[in-house]
């Protein structure tokens, strides 16, 4: 069995595509029309993981509710220092700024996408 993708509903597909492609370096693969929505498939740089952004024709006025069962997506970054400069230039800020996981060999940080989904960023520290 192979894990294929995770789907999230978004309220502004233009904003979401920009965030996932320009900030998280995901590659737009293709889109597909269903009866009541568009599905946008994005793949990570290594081609091992996909996110499906669903843009429904009818979107709740306040967007979608992120329930307490969802935690976050996690992405590996080469350098949190470089990533910090990138998000600042794009007008984003951290939910939780970079910090060292003492003794774990990693630094992590959290950011939110345009719909409020949390993204964990992990830099594996090289000794």
Protein backbone atom coordinates (compact mmCIF):
# COMPACT_ATOMS: atom_id res chain seq x y z
CA UNK A 1 0.00 0.00 0.00
CA UNK A 2 1.21 3.50 -0.81
CA UNK A 3 0.09 6.78 0.77
CA UNK A 4 -0.95 9.14 -2.04
CA UNK A 5 -2.09 12.54 -0.78
CA UNK A 6 -3.82 14.68 1.80
CA UNK A 7 -6.75 16.89 0.81
CA UNK A 8 -7.64 20.23 2.37
CA UNK A 9 -10.38 22.65 1.43
CA UNK A 10 -9.29 26.22 0.72
CA UNK A 11 -11.28 29.42 0.41
CA UNK A 12 -8.96 31.31 -1.97
CA UNK A 13 -7.21 29.00 -4.43
CA UNK A 14 -5.00 31.78 -5.81
CA UNK A 15 -3.62 32.62 -2.35
CA UNK A 16 -3.21 28.95 -1.46
CA UNK A 17 -1.44 28.03 -4.70
CA UNK A 18 0.93 30.94 -4.21
CA UNK A 19 1.70 29.90 -0.62
CA UNK A 20 2.29 26.23 -1.38
CA UNK A 21 4.31 26.79 -4.57
CA UNK A 22 6.28 29.94 -3.69
CA UNK A 23 6.74 29.50 0.06
CA UNK A 24 6.86 25.70 0.41
CA UNK A 25 8.33 25.01 -3.07
CA UNK A 26 5.63 22.51 -4.02
CA UNK A 27 5.13 21.89 -7.71
CA UNK A 28 1.71 22.24 -9.34
CA UNK A 29 1.02 18.91 -11.09
CA UNK A 30 -2.50 19.15 -12.46
CA UNK A 31 -6.07 20.14 -11.71
CA UNK A 32 -9.28 18.23 -12.14
CA UNK A 33 -12.88 19.41 -12.36
CA UNK A 34 -15.57 17.58 -10.41
CA UNK A 35 -19.26 18.43 -10.37
CA UNK A 36 -19.00 21.02 -7.59
CA UNK A 37 -15.31 21.86 -7.23
CA UNK A 38 -11.81 22.03 -8.66
CA UNK A 39 -9.03 19.79 -7.30
CA UNK A 40 -5.45 21.10 -7.51
CA UNK A 41 -2.66 18.56 -6.99
CA UNK A 42 0.74 19.72 -5.72
CA UNK A 43 3.83 17.56 -5.23
CA UNK A 44 6.84 18.09 -3.01
CA UNK A 45 10.32 18.61 -4.51
CA UNK A 46 11.25 14.93 -4.18
CA UNK A 47 7.98 13.70 -5.67
CA UNK A 48 7.12 11.60 -2.61
CA UNK A 49 4.14 13.51 -1.20
CA UNK A 50 1.10 15.28 -2.61
CA UNK A 51 -1.40 17.77 -1.27
CA UNK A 52 -4.77 18.17 -2.95
CA UNK A 53 -6.21 21.67 -2.59
CA UNK A 54 -9.97 21.57 -3.07
CA UNK A 55 -11.72 24.75 -4.19
CA UNK A 56 -15.45 24.19 -3.86
CA UNK A 57 -17.84 26.24 -5.98
CA UNK A 58 -19.76 27.20 -2.84
CA UNK A 59 -17.54 28.19 0.07
CA UNK A 60 -18.80 28.96 3.58
CA UNK A 61 -18.77 32.71 4.24
CA UNK A 62 -16.13 32.37 6.98
CA UNK A 63 -14.10 29.68 5.23
CA UNK A 64 -13.69 26.20 6.66
CA UNK A 65 -13.49 25.17 10.28
CA UNK A 66 -10.25 23.46 11.23
CA UNK A 67 -11.31 20.94 13.84
CA UNK A 68 -9.24 19.93 16.83
CA UNK A 69 -8.37 16.54 15.30
CA UNK A 70 -6.04 17.95 12.66
CA UNK A 71 -2.51 18.71 13.80
CA UNK A 72 -0.21 19.97 11.06
CA UNK A 73 1.72 19.23 7.89
CA UNK A 74 5.49 18.87 8.26
CA UNK A 75 8.09 19.98 5.71
CA UNK A 76 11.86 19.63 5.84
CA UNK A 77 13.85 22.78 5.05
CA UNK A 78 17.58 23.08 4.41
CA UNK A 79 17.92 26.20 6.53
CA UNK A 80 15.38 27.86 8.81
CA UNK A 81 17.48 31.02 8.62
CA UNK A 82 17.03 31.15 4.82
CA UNK A 83 13.36 30.20 5.13
CA UNK A 84 12.81 33.02 7.64
CA UNK A 85 14.14 35.58 5.13
CA UNK A 86 11.91 34.07 2.43
CA UNK A 87 8.69 34.31 4.45
CA UNK A 88 9.49 37.81 5.69
CA UNK A 89 9.94 39.01 2.08
CA UNK A 90 6.56 37.43 1.25
CA UNK A 91 4.82 39.09 4.22
CA UNK A 92 4.36 36.00 6.37
CA UNK A 93 5.43 35.48 9.97
CA UNK A 94 5.83 32.48 12.22
CA UNK A 95 3.17 31.09 14.49
CA UNK A 96 6.08 29.73 16.58
CA UNK A 97 9.54 31.00 15.59
CA UNK A 98 12.46 28.59 15.10
CA UNK A 99 13.70 26.80 18.18
CA UNK A 100 16.13 24.00 18.90
CA UNK A 101 14.82 20.64 20.03
CA UNK A 102 17.53 20.25 22.64
CA UNK A 103 19.50 17.08 22.02
CA UNK A 104 17.27 15.92 19.17
CA UNK A 105 19.40 17.16 16.26
CA UNK A 106 16.68 19.37 14.83
CA UNK A 107 15.33 22.89 14.83
CA UNK A 108 11.65 23.45 14.20
CA UNK A 109 9.23 26.30 13.57
CA UNK A 110 5.55 26.65 12.70
CA UNK A 111 3.72 28.86 10.19
CA UNK A 112 0.09 28.96 9.08
CA UNK A 113 -1.10 28.81 5.48
CA UNK A 114 -3.72 31.29 4.19
CA UNK A 115 -6.56 29.11 5.54
CA UNK A 116 -5.03 28.63 8.99
CA UNK A 117 -3.62 25.13 8.52
CA UNK A 118 -0.46 24.73 10.60
CA UNK A 119 2.81 23.83 8.87
CA UNK A 120 5.77 22.50 10.86
CA UNK A 121 9.19 23.27 9.37
CA UNK A 122 12.06 21.02 10.34
CA UNK A 123 15.76 21.69 9.84
CA UNK A 124 17.94 18.70 10.63
CA UNK A 125 21.01 20.16 12.30
CA UNK A 126 24.30 19.01 10.88
CA UNK A 127 26.92 18.45 13.55
